[in-house]
Amino acid sequence: MAAGRLRGAALPTPFPFPPIRSRAAGEPVTPANTSSPARSTRQRTAVASLLAEIDDFRSAQELHDLLKHRGDSVGLTTVYRTLQSLADAGEIDVLRTDDGEAVYRRCSSGHHHHLVCRSCGRTVEVEGPAVERWAEGVAADHGFVDVAHTLEIFGTCAGCAAQAEAASTQASSEA
């Protein structure tokens, strides 16, 4: 992921929170099966199609470059507008990199959270029933109802931890 390391600040979701979409798990994101109000165009279809093909987080600029490389004539402004529309509809996940850049990825159909590796950016979608209960309880304790939340947990994945350990061991043996 060339966009930089991911950090915990997700893009704010507009209020009220959008409804959960009806796209089946694993079904590609397309303008036809999103709850996005944007009209379907060739350019928007190209962006949605590309998102269906990639599994990792990418910046709008990276997505624009990939579209150009594929021969799709889509302006960067259209890419940004399409991504914002899909994010507003809950169709894609949005995280922020260490340098503040928004990165995007198609998400699964249900509510989920993310484990994110600080080193390589690898993400894993996880369910968190205990988090759901905690969020509802905290909200209720403070008189809030109809709550929604996002959660990203940052750490180091097993692969990066093993590489760091191997590098540390090698450096120690060379000293």
N, C-alpha and C. Protein backbone atom coordinates (compact mmCIF):
# COMPACT_ATOMS: atom_id res chain seq x y z
N MET A 1 0.85 -1.17 0.00
CA MET A 1 0.00 0.00 0.00
C MET A 1 0.89 1.22 0.00
N ALA A 2 0.89 1.96 -1.07
CA ALA A 2 1.76 3.11 -1.23
C ALA A 2 1.23 4.35 -0.52
N ALA A 3 0.03 4.33 -0.05
CA ALA A 3 -0.59 5.52 0.51
C ALA A 3 -0.09 5.86 1.91
N GLY A 4 0.69 5.02 2.54
CA GLY A 4 1.16 5.29 3.89
C GLY A 4 0.51 4.35 4.88
N ARG A 5 0.96 4.46 6.11
CA ARG A 5 0.42 3.58 7.13
C ARG A 5 -0.96 4.05 7.57
N LEU A 6 -1.79 3.10 7.92
CA LEU A 6 -3.14 3.43 8.37
C LEU A 6 -3.11 3.82 9.83
N ARG A 7 -3.99 4.73 10.23
CA ARG A 7 -4.13 5.09 11.62
C ARG A 7 -5.60 5.05 12.00
N GLY A 8 -5.86 5.23 13.25
CA GLY A 8 -7.19 4.98 13.79
C GLY A 8 -8.29 5.93 13.42
N ALA A 9 -8.02 7.07 12.87
CA ALA A 9 -9.10 8.02 12.59
C ALA A 9 -9.80 7.68 11.29
N ALA A 10 -10.97 7.17 11.38
CA ALA A 10 -11.76 6.89 10.19
C ALA A 10 -12.47 8.17 9.76
N LEU A 11 -12.80 8.25 8.50
CA LEU A 11 -13.55 9.40 8.01
C LEU A 11 -14.90 9.47 8.71
N PRO A 12 -15.32 10.64 9.13
CA PRO A 12 -16.62 10.72 9.77
C PRO A 12 -17.74 10.36 8.80
N THR A 13 -18.72 9.65 9.30
CA THR A 13 -19.87 9.29 8.50
C THR A 13 -20.94 10.34 8.71
N PRO A 14 -21.58 10.80 7.63
CA PRO A 14 -22.62 11.80 7.81
C PRO A 14 -23.78 11.26 8.63
N PHE A 15 -24.47 12.13 9.35
CA PHE A 15 -25.62 11.74 10.14
C PHE A 15 -26.88 12.05 9.37
N PRO A 16 -27.94 11.31 9.45
CA PRO A 16 -27.98 10.05 10.18
C PRO A 16 -27.21 8.98 9.43
N PHE A 17 -26.79 7.96 10.17
CA PHE A 17 -26.01 6.91 9.55
C PHE A 17 -26.81 6.21 8.47
N PRO A 18 -26.16 5.86 7.36
CA PRO A 18 -26.89 5.22 6.26
C PRO A 18 -27.33 3.81 6.64
N PRO A 19 -28.38 3.32 6.03
CA PRO A 19 -28.85 1.97 6.33
C PRO A 19 -27.87 0.93 5.80
N ILE A 20 -27.91 -0.25 6.41
CA ILE A 20 -27.11 -1.36 5.90
C ILE A 20 -27.64 -1.74 4.53
N ARG A 21 -26.75 -1.91 3.59
CA ARG A 21 -27.15 -2.24 2.22
C ARG A 21 -27.61 -3.69 2.12
N SER A 22 -28.24 -4.02 1.03
CA SER A 22 -28.78 -5.36 0.86
C SER A 22 -27.91 -6.23 -0.04
N ARG A 23 -26.73 -5.76 -0.40
CA ARG A 23 -25.83 -6.53 -1.25
C ARG A 23 -25.41 -7.80 -0.51
N ALA A 24 -25.44 -8.92 -1.19
CA ALA A 24 -25.07 -10.19 -0.57
C ALA A 24 -23.56 -10.24 -0.34
N ALA A 25 -23.14 -10.97 0.69
CA ALA A 25 -21.72 -11.12 0.98
C ALA A 25 -21.00 -11.66 -0.25
N GLY A 26 -19.90 -11.03 -0.60
CA GLY A 26 -19.11 -11.47 -1.75
C GLY A 26 -19.58 -10.91 -3.07
N GLU A 27 -20.78 -10.32 -3.10
CA GLU A 27 -21.30 -9.75 -4.35
C GLU A 27 -20.53 -8.48 -4.66
N PRO A 28 -20.08 -8.29 -5.90
CA PRO A 28 -19.32 -7.10 -6.23
C PRO A 28 -20.12 -5.82 -6.03
N VAL A 29 -19.41 -4.76 -5.64
CA VAL A 29 -20.05 -3.45 -5.52
C VAL A 29 -20.21 -2.88 -6.92
N THR A 30 -21.43 -2.59 -7.29
CA THR A 30 -21.72 -1.95 -8.57
C THR A 30 -22.76 -0.88 -8.31
N PRO A 31 -22.86 0.11 -9.17
CA PRO A 31 -23.90 1.12 -8.95
C PRO A 31 -25.30 0.53 -8.88
N ALA A 32 -25.53 -0.59 -9.53
CA ALA A 32 -26.86 -1.20 -9.54
C ALA A 32 -27.25 -1.81 -8.20
N ASN A 33 -26.26 -2.25 -7.39
CA ASN A 33 -26.62 -2.91 -6.13
C ASN A 33 -26.18 -2.11 -4.91
N THR A 34 -25.97 -0.82 -5.06
CA THR A 34 -25.64 0.01 -3.92
C THR A 34 -26.85 0.84 -3.54
N SER A 35 -26.79 1.36 -2.34
CA SER A 35 -27.86 2.27 -1.91
C SER A 35 -27.48 3.71 -2.22
N SER A 36 -26.43 3.88 -3.00
CA SER A 36 -25.96 5.22 -3.36
C SER A 36 -26.96 5.90 -4.29
N PRO A 37 -27.30 7.17 -3.99
CA PRO A 37 -28.26 7.87 -4.83
C PRO A 37 -27.67 8.38 -6.14
N ALA A 38 -26.35 8.29 -6.30
CA ALA A 38 -25.71 8.82 -7.51
C ALA A 38 -26.18 8.04 -8.74
N ARG A 39 -26.33 8.77 -9.83
CA ARG A 39 -26.78 8.10 -11.04
C ARG A 39 -25.65 7.24 -11.60
N SER A 40 -26.03 6.17 -12.25
CA SER A 40 -25.06 5.25 -12.81
C SER A 40 -24.53 5.80 -14.13
N THR A 41 -23.22 5.90 -14.21
CA THR A 41 -22.56 6.32 -15.44
C THR A 41 -21.45 5.33 -15.74
N ARG A 42 -20.91 5.43 -16.94
CA ARG A 42 -19.81 4.55 -17.32
C ARG A 42 -18.63 4.74 -16.36
N GLN A 43 -18.35 6.00 -15.99
CA GLN A 43 -17.22 6.28 -15.11
C GLN A 43 -17.45 5.70 -13.70
N ARG A 44 -18.65 5.89 -13.18
CA ARG A 44 -18.96 5.36 -11.85
C ARG A 44 -18.92 3.83 -11.85
N THR A 45 -19.40 3.24 -12.94
CA THR A 45 -19.34 1.79 -13.08
C THR A 45 -17.90 1.31 -13.10
N ALA A 46 -17.01 2.05 -13.77
CA ALA A 46 -15.60 1.68 -13.83
C ALA A 46 -14.97 1.72 -12.44
N VAL A 47 -15.29 2.75 -11.65
CA VAL A 47 -14.74 2.85 -10.29
C VAL A 47 -15.26 1.70 -9.44
N ALA A 48 -16.55 1.44 -9.48
CA ALA A 48 -17.14 0.35 -8.69
C ALA A 48 -16.58 -1.00 -9.11
N SER A 49 -16.37 -1.19 -10.40
CA SER A 49 -15.81 -2.44 -10.90
C SER A 49 -14.39 -2.63 -10.39
N LEU A 50 -13.59 -1.58 -10.40
CA LEU A 50 -12.22 -1.67 -9.90
C LEU A 50 -12.21 -2.01 -8.41
N LEU A 51 -13.07 -1.38 -7.65
CA LEU A 51 -13.14 -1.68 -6.22
C LEU A 51 -13.49 -3.14 -5.97
N ALA A 52 -14.30 -3.72 -6.85
CA ALA A 52 -14.67 -5.13 -6.70
C ALA A 52 -13.49 -6.06 -6.97
N GLU A 53 -12.48 -5.56 -7.68
CA GLU A 53 -11.33 -6.39 -8.06
C GLU A 53 -10.17 -6.33 -7.08
N ILE A 54 -10.14 -5.34 -6.21
CA ILE A 54 -9.00 -5.19 -5.31
C ILE A 54 -9.42 -5.50 -3.88
N ASP A 55 -8.48 -6.02 -3.10
CA ASP A 55 -8.78 -6.40 -1.73
C ASP A 55 -8.17 -5.48 -0.68
N ASP A 56 -7.20 -4.65 -1.08
CA ASP A 56 -6.54 -3.82 -0.10
C ASP A 56 -6.99 -2.37 -0.22
N PHE A 57 -6.65 -1.58 0.78
CA PHE A 57 -7.02 -0.17 0.78
C PHE A 57 -6.18 0.58 -0.24
N ARG A 58 -6.82 1.48 -0.99
CA ARG A 58 -6.15 2.30 -2.00
C ARG A 58 -6.66 3.73 -1.89
N SER A 59 -5.78 4.67 -2.20
CA SER A 59 -6.18 6.07 -2.22
C SER A 59 -6.94 6.37 -3.50
N ALA A 60 -7.61 7.51 -3.53
CA ALA A 60 -8.32 7.93 -4.74
C ALA A 60 -7.34 8.08 -5.89
N GLN A 61 -6.17 8.64 -5.61
CA GLN A 61 -5.16 8.82 -6.66
C GLN A 61 -4.69 7.47 -7.20
N GLU A 62 -4.46 6.50 -6.31
CA GLU A 62 -4.05 5.17 -6.75
C GLU A 62 -5.14 4.53 -7.60
N LEU A 63 -6.39 4.66 -7.18
CA LEU A 63 -7.50 4.11 -7.96
C LEU A 63 -7.58 4.80 -9.32
N HIS A 64 -7.41 6.10 -9.35
CA HIS A 64 -7.42 6.86 -10.60
C HIS A 64 -6.31 6.37 -11.53
N ASP A 65 -5.12 6.17 -10.98
CA ASP A 65 -4.00 5.67 -11.78
C ASP A 65 -4.28 4.27 -12.34
N LEU A 66 -4.88 3.40 -11.52
CA LEU A 66 -5.23 2.06 -11.99
C LEU A 66 -6.26 2.12 -13.11
N LEU A 67 -7.23 3.01 -12.96
CA LEU A 67 -8.25 3.17 -14.01
C LEU A 67 -7.61 3.65 -15.31
N LYS A 68 -6.70 4.62 -15.22
CA LYS A 68 -6.01 5.11 -16.42
C LYS A 68 -5.20 3.99 -17.07
N HIS A 69 -4.52 3.19 -16.24
CA HIS A 69 -3.72 2.08 -16.75
C HIS A 69 -4.59 1.05 -17.47
N ARG A 70 -5.82 0.87 -17.01
CA ARG A 70 -6.76 -0.07 -17.65
C ARG A 70 -7.40 0.52 -18.90
N GLY A 71 -7.18 1.81 -19.13
CA GLY A 71 -7.76 2.45 -20.30
C GLY A 71 -9.11 3.09 -20.06
N ASP A 72 -9.51 3.18 -18.79
CA ASP A 72 -10.78 3.84 -18.45
C ASP A 72 -10.54 5.33 -18.29
N SER A 73 -11.27 6.12 -19.05
CA SER A 73 -11.14 7.57 -18.99
C SER A 73 -12.07 8.11 -17.92
N VAL A 74 -11.53 8.24 -16.70
CA VAL A 74 -12.31 8.72 -15.57
C VAL A 74 -11.51 9.82 -14.89
N GLY A 75 -12.11 10.97 -14.72
CA GLY A 75 -11.43 12.08 -14.08
C GLY A 75 -11.25 11.85 -12.59
N LEU A 76 -10.20 12.44 -12.04
CA LEU A 76 -9.93 12.29 -10.62
C LEU A 76 -11.09 12.83 -9.77
N THR A 77 -11.70 13.91 -10.19
CA THR A 77 -12.85 14.45 -9.46
C THR A 77 -13.99 13.44 -9.42
N THR A 78 -14.23 12.76 -10.53
CA THR A 78 -15.28 11.73 -10.57
C THR A 78 -14.94 10.58 -9.64
N VAL A 79 -13.66 10.20 -9.59
CA VAL A 79 -13.23 9.14 -8.67
C VAL A 79 -13.54 9.56 -7.24
N TYR A 80 -13.15 10.77 -6.86
CA TYR A 80 -13.43 11.25 -5.50
C TYR A 80 -14.93 11.29 -5.21
N ARG A 81 -15.71 11.80 -6.13
CA ARG A 81 -17.16 11.89 -5.91
C ARG A 81 -17.79 10.50 -5.79
N THR A 82 -17.34 9.58 -6.63
CA THR A 82 -17.88 8.22 -6.57
C THR A 82 -17.51 7.56 -5.25
N LEU A 83 -16.26 7.71 -4.83
CA LEU A 83 -15.82 7.13 -3.56
C LEU A 83 -16.62 7.71 -2.40
N GLN A 84 -16.82 9.02 -2.41
CA GLN A 84 -17.59 9.65 -1.33
C GLN A 84 -19.03 9.14 -1.32
N SER A 85 -19.61 9.00 -2.50
CA SER A 85 -20.98 8.51 -2.61
C SER A 85 -21.08 7.07 -2.08
N LEU A 86 -20.13 6.23 -2.46
CA LEU A 86 -20.13 4.84 -1.99
C LEU A 86 -19.87 4.77 -0.48
N ALA A 87 -18.99 5.63 0.02
CA ALA A 87 -18.72 5.66 1.46
C ALA A 87 -19.95 6.13 2.23
N ASP A 88 -20.61 7.17 1.72
CA ASP A 88 -21.82 7.68 2.37
C ASP A 88 -22.91 6.62 2.43
N ALA A 89 -22.94 5.75 1.42
CA ALA A 89 -23.95 4.69 1.36
C ALA A 89 -23.52 3.46 2.15
N GLY A 90 -22.32 3.48 2.74
CA GLY A 90 -21.84 2.34 3.51
C GLY A 90 -21.35 1.19 2.66
N GLU A 91 -21.06 1.45 1.40
CA GLU A 91 -20.65 0.39 0.48
C GLU A 91 -19.15 0.10 0.53
N ILE A 92 -18.37 1.07 0.98
CA ILE A 92 -16.92 0.88 1.06
C ILE A 92 -16.43 1.37 2.41
N ASP A 93 -15.31 0.83 2.83
CA ASP A 93 -14.67 1.26 4.06
C ASP A 93 -13.72 2.40 3.74
N VAL A 94 -13.57 3.32 4.68
CA VAL A 94 -12.65 4.45 4.54
C VAL A 94 -11.82 4.54 5.81
N LEU A 95 -10.50 4.57 5.64
CA LEU A 95 -9.58 4.79 6.75
C LEU A 95 -8.67 5.94 6.38
N ARG A 96 -7.93 6.45 7.34
CA ARG A 96 -6.95 7.51 7.10
C ARG A 96 -5.55 6.95 7.30
N THR A 97 -4.63 7.35 6.43
CA THR A 97 -3.23 6.96 6.58
C THR A 97 -2.56 7.87 7.59
N ASP A 98 -1.30 7.55 7.96
CA ASP A 98 -0.56 8.39 8.90
C ASP A 98 -0.45 9.83 8.41
N ASP A 99 -0.37 10.00 7.09
CA ASP A 99 -0.24 11.36 6.55
C ASP A 99 -1.59 12.02 6.27
N GLY A 100 -2.68 11.40 6.72
CA GLY A 100 -4.01 12.00 6.62
C GLY A 100 -4.78 11.69 5.35
N GLU A 101 -4.19 10.93 4.44
CA GLU A 101 -4.87 10.61 3.19
C GLU A 101 -5.94 9.54 3.41
N ALA A 102 -7.10 9.72 2.81
CA ALA A 102 -8.17 8.73 2.90
C ALA A 102 -7.86 7.58 1.95
N VAL A 103 -8.07 6.36 2.42
CA VAL A 103 -7.91 5.17 1.59
C VAL A 103 -9.20 4.37 1.67
N TYR A 104 -9.51 3.67 0.59
CA TYR A 104 -10.82 3.05 0.40
C TYR A 104 -10.68 1.57 0.05
N ARG A 105 -11.71 0.81 0.44
CA ARG A 105 -11.76 -0.61 0.11
C ARG A 105 -13.20 -1.08 0.18
N ARG A 106 -13.53 -2.00 -0.71
CA ARG A 106 -14.86 -2.63 -0.66
C ARG A 106 -14.95 -3.39 0.65
N CYS A 107 -16.10 -3.33 1.28
CA CYS A 107 -16.26 -4.00 2.56
C CYS A 107 -17.28 -5.12 2.45
N SER A 108 -17.30 -5.95 3.48
CA SER A 108 -18.28 -7.02 3.52
C SER A 108 -19.66 -6.43 3.76
N SER A 109 -20.67 -7.24 3.64
CA SER A 109 -22.04 -6.72 3.68
C SER A 109 -22.55 -6.42 5.07
N GLY A 110 -21.95 -6.97 6.11
CA GLY A 110 -22.45 -6.74 7.46
C GLY A 110 -21.58 -5.78 8.25
N HIS A 111 -22.09 -5.36 9.40
CA HIS A 111 -21.32 -4.49 10.29
C HIS A 111 -20.09 -5.24 10.76
N HIS A 112 -18.96 -4.58 10.73
CA HIS A 112 -17.71 -5.22 11.14
C HIS A 112 -16.72 -4.17 11.61
N HIS A 113 -15.62 -4.65 12.15
CA HIS A 113 -14.53 -3.81 12.62
C HIS A 113 -13.27 -4.25 11.89
N HIS A 114 -12.18 -3.51 12.10
CA HIS A 114 -10.94 -3.85 11.40
C HIS A 114 -9.78 -4.02 12.37
N LEU A 115 -8.97 -5.03 12.10
CA LEU A 115 -7.63 -5.14 12.66
C LEU A 115 -6.71 -4.64 11.56
N VAL A 116 -5.82 -3.70 11.88
CA VAL A 116 -4.97 -3.09 10.87
C VAL A 116 -3.52 -3.17 11.31
N CYS A 117 -2.65 -3.70 10.44
CA CYS A 117 -1.22 -3.77 10.74
C CYS A 117 -0.59 -2.41 10.49
N ARG A 118 0.10 -1.89 11.50
CA ARG A 118 0.78 -0.60 11.37
C ARG A 118 1.95 -0.67 10.40
N SER A 119 2.53 -1.85 10.22
CA SER A 119 3.71 -1.97 9.37
C SER A 119 3.37 -2.11 7.89
N CYS A 120 2.50 -3.05 7.56
CA CYS A 120 2.24 -3.34 6.14
C CYS A 120 0.86 -2.88 5.67
N GLY A 121 -0.02 -2.50 6.60
CA GLY A 121 -1.36 -2.05 6.23
C GLY A 121 -2.36 -3.18 6.04
N ARG A 122 -1.94 -4.42 6.25
CA ARG A 122 -2.86 -5.55 6.10
C ARG A 122 -4.06 -5.34 7.02
N THR A 123 -5.25 -5.61 6.51
CA THR A 123 -6.45 -5.45 7.32
C THR A 123 -7.24 -6.75 7.35
N VAL A 124 -7.86 -6.98 8.47
CA VAL A 124 -8.71 -8.15 8.66
C VAL A 124 -10.04 -7.64 9.20
N GLU A 125 -11.13 -8.03 8.55
CA GLU A 125 -12.46 -7.67 9.05
C GLU A 125 -12.84 -8.64 10.15
N VAL A 126 -13.30 -8.10 11.28
CA VAL A 126 -13.69 -8.93 12.41
C VAL A 126 -15.04 -8.48 12.95
N GLU A 127 -15.78 -9.42 13.49
CA GLU A 127 -17.02 -9.09 14.18
C GLU A 127 -16.68 -8.93 15.66
N GLY A 128 -17.44 -8.13 16.35
CA GLY A 128 -17.16 -7.88 17.76
C GLY A 128 -18.41 -7.78 18.59
N PRO A 129 -19.06 -8.92 18.87
CA PRO A 129 -20.30 -8.87 19.65
C PRO A 129 -20.11 -8.18 21.01
N ALA A 130 -18.96 -8.38 21.65
CA ALA A 130 -18.72 -7.73 22.94
C ALA A 130 -18.65 -6.22 22.77
N VAL A 131 -18.05 -5.77 21.67
CA VAL A 131 -17.98 -4.33 21.39
C VAL A 131 -19.37 -3.77 21.16
N GLU A 132 -20.20 -4.53 20.45
CA GLU A 132 -21.57 -4.08 20.18
C GLU A 132 -22.33 -3.89 21.50
N ARG A 133 -22.21 -4.87 22.39
CA ARG A 133 -22.89 -4.77 23.69
C ARG A 133 -22.35 -3.60 24.50
N TRP A 134 -21.03 -3.43 24.50
CA TRP A 134 -20.41 -2.33 25.24
C TRP A 134 -20.90 -0.98 24.70
N ALA A 135 -20.89 -0.81 23.37
CA ALA A 135 -21.31 0.46 22.77
C ALA A 135 -22.76 0.78 23.11
N GLU A 136 -23.62 -0.22 23.03
CA GLU A 136 -25.03 -0.01 23.37
C GLU A 136 -25.18 0.36 24.84
N GLY A 137 -24.41 -0.32 25.71
CA GLY A 137 -24.48 -0.04 27.14
C GLY A 137 -24.00 1.36 27.49
N VAL A 138 -22.86 1.76 26.92
CA VAL A 138 -22.32 3.10 27.17
C VAL A 138 -23.31 4.15 26.67
N ALA A 139 -23.85 3.93 25.50
CA ALA A 139 -24.82 4.88 24.94
C ALA A 139 -26.05 4.98 25.84
N ALA A 140 -26.56 3.84 26.27
CA ALA A 140 -27.75 3.83 27.14
C ALA A 140 -27.47 4.53 28.46
N ASP A 141 -26.27 4.30 29.02
CA ASP A 141 -25.90 4.95 30.28
C ASP A 141 -25.93 6.47 30.17
N HIS A 142 -25.73 6.98 28.97
CA HIS A 142 -25.69 8.43 28.76
C HIS A 142 -26.94 8.95 28.05
N GLY A 143 -27.95 8.08 27.94
CA GLY A 143 -29.22 8.50 27.36
C GLY A 143 -29.25 8.56 25.85
N PHE A 144 -28.31 7.89 25.18
CA PHE A 144 -28.31 7.88 23.72
C PHE A 144 -29.04 6.64 23.21
N VAL A 145 -29.74 6.79 22.11
CA VAL A 145 -30.41 5.68 21.45
C VAL A 145 -30.05 5.70 19.97
N ASP A 146 -30.38 4.62 19.28
CA ASP A 146 -30.13 4.52 17.84
C ASP A 146 -28.69 4.88 17.51
N VAL A 147 -27.75 4.23 18.19
CA VAL A 147 -26.33 4.55 18.04
C VAL A 147 -25.68 3.71 16.95
N ALA A 148 -24.61 4.22 16.42
CA ALA A 148 -23.76 3.51 15.46
C ALA A 148 -22.32 3.85 15.80
N HIS A 149 -21.39 3.03 15.33
CA HIS A 149 -19.99 3.26 15.65
C HIS A 149 -19.10 2.61 14.59
N THR A 150 -17.84 3.00 14.61
CA THR A 150 -16.81 2.33 13.83
C THR A 150 -15.66 2.02 14.77
N LEU A 151 -14.88 1.01 14.44
CA LEU A 151 -13.75 0.64 15.28
C LEU A 151 -12.64 0.06 14.43
N GLU A 152 -11.44 0.58 14.60
CA GLU A 152 -10.25 0.01 13.99
C GLU A 152 -9.27 -0.27 15.12
N ILE A 153 -8.71 -1.47 15.13
CA ILE A 153 -7.72 -1.85 16.12
C ILE A 153 -6.39 -1.97 15.40
N PHE A 154 -5.40 -1.22 15.86
CA PHE A 154 -4.11 -1.18 15.19
C PHE A 154 -3.07 -1.95 15.99
N GLY A 155 -2.25 -2.69 15.28
CA GLY A 155 -1.19 -3.47 15.88
C GLY A 155 -0.23 -3.92 14.80
N THR A 156 0.52 -4.98 15.09
CA THR A 156 1.46 -5.54 14.14
C THR A 156 1.03 -6.97 13.83
N CYS A 157 0.87 -7.27 12.54
CA CYS A 157 0.43 -8.62 12.15
C CYS A 157 1.55 -9.63 12.43
N ALA A 158 1.20 -10.89 12.44
CA ALA A 158 2.16 -11.96 12.75
C ALA A 158 3.33 -11.95 11.77
N GLY A 159 3.07 -11.73 10.49
CA GLY A 159 4.14 -11.72 9.49
C GLY A 159 5.15 -10.61 9.74
N CYS A 160 4.67 -9.41 10.01
CA CYS A 160 5.56 -8.28 10.27
C CYS A 160 6.30 -8.45 11.60
N ALA A 161 5.61 -9.01 12.60
CA ALA A 161 6.25 -9.25 13.90
C ALA A 161 7.38 -10.26 13.74
N ALA A 162 7.16 -11.31 12.94
CA ALA A 162 8.19 -12.31 12.71
C ALA A 162 9.38 -11.71 11.97
N GLN A 163 9.11 -10.86 10.98
CA GLN A 163 10.20 -10.19 10.25
C GLN A 163 11.00 -9.28 11.17
N ALA A 164 10.32 -8.55 12.03
CA ALA A 164 11.01 -7.65 12.97
C ALA A 164 11.85 -8.45 13.95
N GLU A 165 11.32 -9.57 14.42
CA GLU A 165 12.06 -10.43 15.35
C GLU A 165 13.29 -11.01 14.67
N ALA A 166 13.13 -11.46 13.42
CA ALA A 166 14.27 -12.02 12.68
C ALA A 166 15.34 -10.96 12.45
N ALA A 167 14.93 -9.75 12.12
CA ALA A 167 15.89 -8.67 11.90
C ALA A 167 16.61 -8.32 13.20
N SER A 168 15.87 -8.32 14.31
CA SER A 168 16.46 -8.02 15.61
C SER A 168 17.46 -9.10 16.01
N THR A 169 17.09 -10.35 15.78
CA THR A 169 17.97 -11.47 16.10
C THR A 169 19.24 -11.41 15.26
N GLN A 170 19.09 -11.11 13.97
CA GLN A 170 20.24 -11.01 13.08
C GLN A 170 21.15 -9.86 13.50
N ALA A 171 20.58 -8.73 13.85
CA ALA A 171 21.37 -7.57 14.28
C ALA A 171 22.12 -7.88 15.56
N SER A 172 21.49 -8.62 16.48
CA SER A 172 22.14 -8.98 17.74
C SER A 172 23.30 -9.92 17.51
N SER A 173 23.14 -10.86 16.58
CA SER A 173 24.20 -11.84 16.32
C SER A 173 25.37 -11.22 15.58
N GLU A 174 25.13 -10.14 14.85
CA GLU A 174 26.20 -9.48 14.11
C GLU A 174 26.98 -8.51 14.99
N ALA A 175 26.44 -8.16 16.15
CA ALA A 175 27.10 -7.18 17.02
C ALA A 175 28.18 -7.79 17.86
